[in-house]
Amino acid sequence: MFVCICKGVTDRDIVAVAEQGATRMSELKECTGLASQCGKCARDAKAIFNDAKRQARQMEGMFSAA
């Protein structure tokens, strides 16, 4: 699903950036160009980004607990 129409950023793009280790919204914006024009996507993008970071941490914890 497109989150940022202006820059063509999808929810999958946001998840990929989080999985690559980005931890701050500024890093997400730098990598994707997200929220750099109209800004209407920022709120939804942040929610998706936070969920993706949370899931990435959980997955990391599952593999490092062994």
N, C-alpha and C. Protein backbone atom coordinates (compact mmCIF):
# COMPACT_ATOMS: atom_id res chain seq x y z
N MET A 1 0.85 -1.16 0.00
CA MET A 1 0.00 0.00 0.00
C MET A 1 0.90 1.24 0.00
N PHE A 2 0.53 2.22 -0.81
CA PHE A 2 1.29 3.47 -0.82
C PHE A 2 0.97 4.28 0.43
N VAL A 3 2.01 4.73 1.08
CA VAL A 3 1.88 5.58 2.27
C VAL A 3 2.16 7.02 1.87
N CYS A 4 3.20 7.22 1.08
CA CYS A 4 3.57 8.54 0.59
C CYS A 4 3.39 8.56 -0.92
N ILE A 5 2.31 9.17 -1.36
CA ILE A 5 2.03 9.24 -2.79
C ILE A 5 3.05 10.15 -3.48
N CYS A 6 3.42 11.23 -2.83
CA CYS A 6 4.34 12.21 -3.44
C CYS A 6 5.67 11.57 -3.85
N LYS A 7 6.19 10.69 -3.01
CA LYS A 7 7.49 10.07 -3.26
C LYS A 7 7.39 8.59 -3.64
N GLY A 8 6.18 8.05 -3.69
CA GLY A 8 5.99 6.65 -4.08
C GLY A 8 6.51 5.65 -3.07
N VAL A 9 6.37 5.96 -1.78
CA VAL A 9 6.88 5.10 -0.71
C VAL A 9 5.75 4.20 -0.21
N THR A 10 6.02 2.91 -0.15
CA THR A 10 5.02 1.95 0.32
C THR A 10 5.29 1.52 1.76
N ASP A 11 4.33 0.83 2.33
CA ASP A 11 4.52 0.30 3.68
C ASP A 11 5.66 -0.71 3.69
N ARG A 12 5.84 -1.44 2.62
CA ARG A 12 6.94 -2.41 2.53
C ARG A 12 8.29 -1.70 2.52
N ASP A 13 8.35 -0.54 1.87
CA ASP A 13 9.58 0.25 1.88
C ASP A 13 9.94 0.67 3.30
N ILE A 14 8.94 1.08 4.05
CA ILE A 14 9.15 1.53 5.43
C ILE A 14 9.63 0.37 6.29
N VAL A 15 9.01 -0.77 6.14
CA VAL A 15 9.41 -1.96 6.91
C VAL A 15 10.84 -2.35 6.56
N ALA A 16 11.19 -2.29 5.30
CA ALA A 16 12.54 -2.66 4.87
C ALA A 16 13.59 -1.75 5.51
N VAL A 17 13.30 -0.47 5.57
CA VAL A 17 14.25 0.48 6.19
C VAL A 17 14.41 0.16 7.68
N ALA A 18 13.30 -0.15 8.34
CA ALA A 18 13.37 -0.52 9.77
C ALA A 18 14.17 -1.80 9.96
N GLU A 19 13.96 -2.77 9.08
CA GLU A 19 14.68 -4.04 9.19
C GLU A 19 16.17 -3.86 8.92
N GLN A 20 16.53 -2.83 8.17
CA GLN A 20 17.94 -2.55 7.88
C GLN A 20 18.61 -1.81 9.03
N GLY A 21 17.84 -1.47 10.07
CA GLY A 21 18.44 -0.90 11.26
C GLY A 21 18.14 0.55 11.56
N ALA A 22 17.35 1.20 10.73
CA ALA A 22 16.99 2.59 11.02
C ALA A 22 16.17 2.65 12.31
N THR A 23 16.47 3.61 13.15
CA THR A 23 15.76 3.73 14.43
C THR A 23 15.07 5.06 14.61
N ARG A 24 15.35 6.01 13.74
CA ARG A 24 14.77 7.35 13.88
C ARG A 24 13.99 7.71 12.62
N MET A 25 12.97 8.50 12.82
CA MET A 25 12.15 8.96 11.71
C MET A 25 13.00 9.75 10.71
N SER A 26 13.98 10.48 11.20
CA SER A 26 14.85 11.25 10.30
C SER A 26 15.62 10.32 9.36
N GLU A 27 16.00 9.14 9.84
CA GLU A 27 16.69 8.17 8.99
C GLU A 27 15.74 7.63 7.93
N LEU A 28 14.51 7.38 8.33
CA LEU A 28 13.51 6.91 7.38
C LEU A 28 13.27 7.95 6.29
N LYS A 29 13.15 9.20 6.70
CA LYS A 29 12.93 10.28 5.74
C LYS A 29 14.12 10.41 4.78
N GLU A 30 15.32 10.29 5.33
CA GLU A 30 16.54 10.40 4.51
C GLU A 30 16.62 9.28 3.49
N CYS A 31 16.26 8.08 3.89
CA CYS A 31 16.36 6.92 3.00
C CYS A 31 15.28 6.90 1.92
N THR A 32 14.11 7.44 2.22
CA THR A 32 12.97 7.29 1.31
C THR A 32 12.47 8.60 0.70
N GLY A 33 12.78 9.73 1.31
CA GLY A 33 12.23 11.00 0.86
C GLY A 33 10.83 11.24 1.40
N LEU A 34 10.36 10.33 2.19
CA LEU A 34 9.03 10.37 2.78
C LEU A 34 8.79 11.67 3.54
N ALA A 35 7.59 12.20 3.44
CA ALA A 35 7.14 13.39 4.18
C ALA A 35 7.93 14.65 3.86
N SER A 36 8.55 14.68 2.69
CA SER A 36 9.35 15.85 2.35
C SER A 36 8.61 16.85 1.44
N GLN A 37 7.39 16.48 1.05
CA GLN A 37 6.63 17.41 0.22
C GLN A 37 5.40 17.89 0.99
N CYS A 38 4.30 17.21 0.86
CA CYS A 38 3.08 17.70 1.51
C CYS A 38 3.01 17.34 2.99
N GLY A 39 3.65 16.23 3.39
CA GLY A 39 3.69 15.83 4.79
C GLY A 39 2.48 15.10 5.32
N LYS A 40 1.47 14.89 4.48
CA LYS A 40 0.25 14.22 4.95
C LYS A 40 0.49 12.77 5.35
N CYS A 41 1.56 12.19 4.89
CA CYS A 41 1.85 10.78 5.17
C CYS A 41 2.59 10.56 6.49
N ALA A 42 3.12 11.60 7.07
CA ALA A 42 4.03 11.46 8.21
C ALA A 42 3.42 10.69 9.37
N ARG A 43 2.20 10.96 9.69
CA ARG A 43 1.55 10.30 10.84
C ARG A 43 1.42 8.79 10.62
N ASP A 44 0.89 8.42 9.45
CA ASP A 44 0.73 6.99 9.16
C ASP A 44 2.09 6.31 9.01
N ALA A 45 3.02 7.00 8.38
CA ALA A 45 4.36 6.44 8.20
C ALA A 45 5.02 6.16 9.55
N LYS A 46 4.86 7.08 10.47
CA LYS A 46 5.47 6.91 11.80
C LYS A 46 4.88 5.69 12.51
N ALA A 47 3.58 5.50 12.40
CA ALA A 47 2.94 4.34 13.03
C ALA A 47 3.45 3.04 12.42
N ILE A 48 3.55 2.99 11.11
CA ILE A 48 4.07 1.79 10.43
C ILE A 48 5.52 1.55 10.82
N PHE A 49 6.31 2.62 10.85
CA PHE A 49 7.73 2.53 11.20
C PHE A 49 7.90 2.02 12.62
N ASN A 50 7.14 2.55 13.56
CA ASN A 50 7.23 2.11 14.95
C ASN A 50 6.86 0.64 15.09
N ASP A 51 5.81 0.20 14.40
CA ASP A 51 5.42 -1.22 14.44
C ASP A 51 6.52 -2.09 13.86
N ALA A 52 7.11 -1.65 12.75
CA ALA A 52 8.17 -2.42 12.11
C ALA A 52 9.40 -2.52 13.01
N LYS A 53 9.75 -1.43 13.68
CA LYS A 53 10.90 -1.46 14.60
C LYS A 53 10.62 -2.43 15.75
N ARG A 54 9.41 -2.40 16.27
CA ARG A 54 9.02 -3.28 17.37
C ARG A 54 9.13 -4.74 16.94
N GLN A 55 8.63 -5.04 15.76
CA GLN A 55 8.70 -6.42 15.26
C GLN A 55 10.14 -6.85 15.01
N ALA A 56 10.95 -5.95 14.50
CA ALA A 56 12.36 -6.27 14.25
C ALA A 56 13.08 -6.58 15.57
N ARG A 57 12.78 -5.81 16.62
CA ARG A 57 13.39 -6.07 17.93
C ARG A 57 12.94 -7.42 18.48
N GLN A 58 11.66 -7.75 18.30
CA GLN A 58 11.15 -9.03 18.79
C GLN A 58 11.82 -10.19 18.06
N MET A 59 11.97 -10.07 16.76
CA MET A 59 12.61 -11.12 15.98
C MET A 59 14.07 -11.26 16.40
N GLU A 60 14.73 -10.15 16.62
CA GLU A 60 16.12 -10.17 17.05
C GLU A 60 16.24 -10.87 18.40
N GLY A 61 15.31 -10.58 19.31
CA GLY A 61 15.30 -11.20 20.62
C GLY A 61 15.08 -12.69 20.57
N MET A 62 14.24 -13.14 19.65
CA MET A 62 13.96 -14.57 19.51
C MET A 62 15.21 -15.32 19.05
N PHE A 63 15.97 -14.72 18.17
CA PHE A 63 17.14 -15.40 17.63
C PHE A 63 18.36 -15.27 18.54
N SER A 64 18.40 -14.24 19.37
CA SER A 64 19.55 -14.08 20.25
C SER A 64 19.35 -14.74 21.62
N ALA A 65 18.14 -15.21 21.89
CA ALA A 65 17.84 -15.84 23.18
C ALA A 65 18.41 -17.26 23.27
N ALA A 66 18.74 -17.83 22.16
CA ALA A 66 19.20 -19.23 22.13
C ALA A 66 20.59 -19.40 22.64
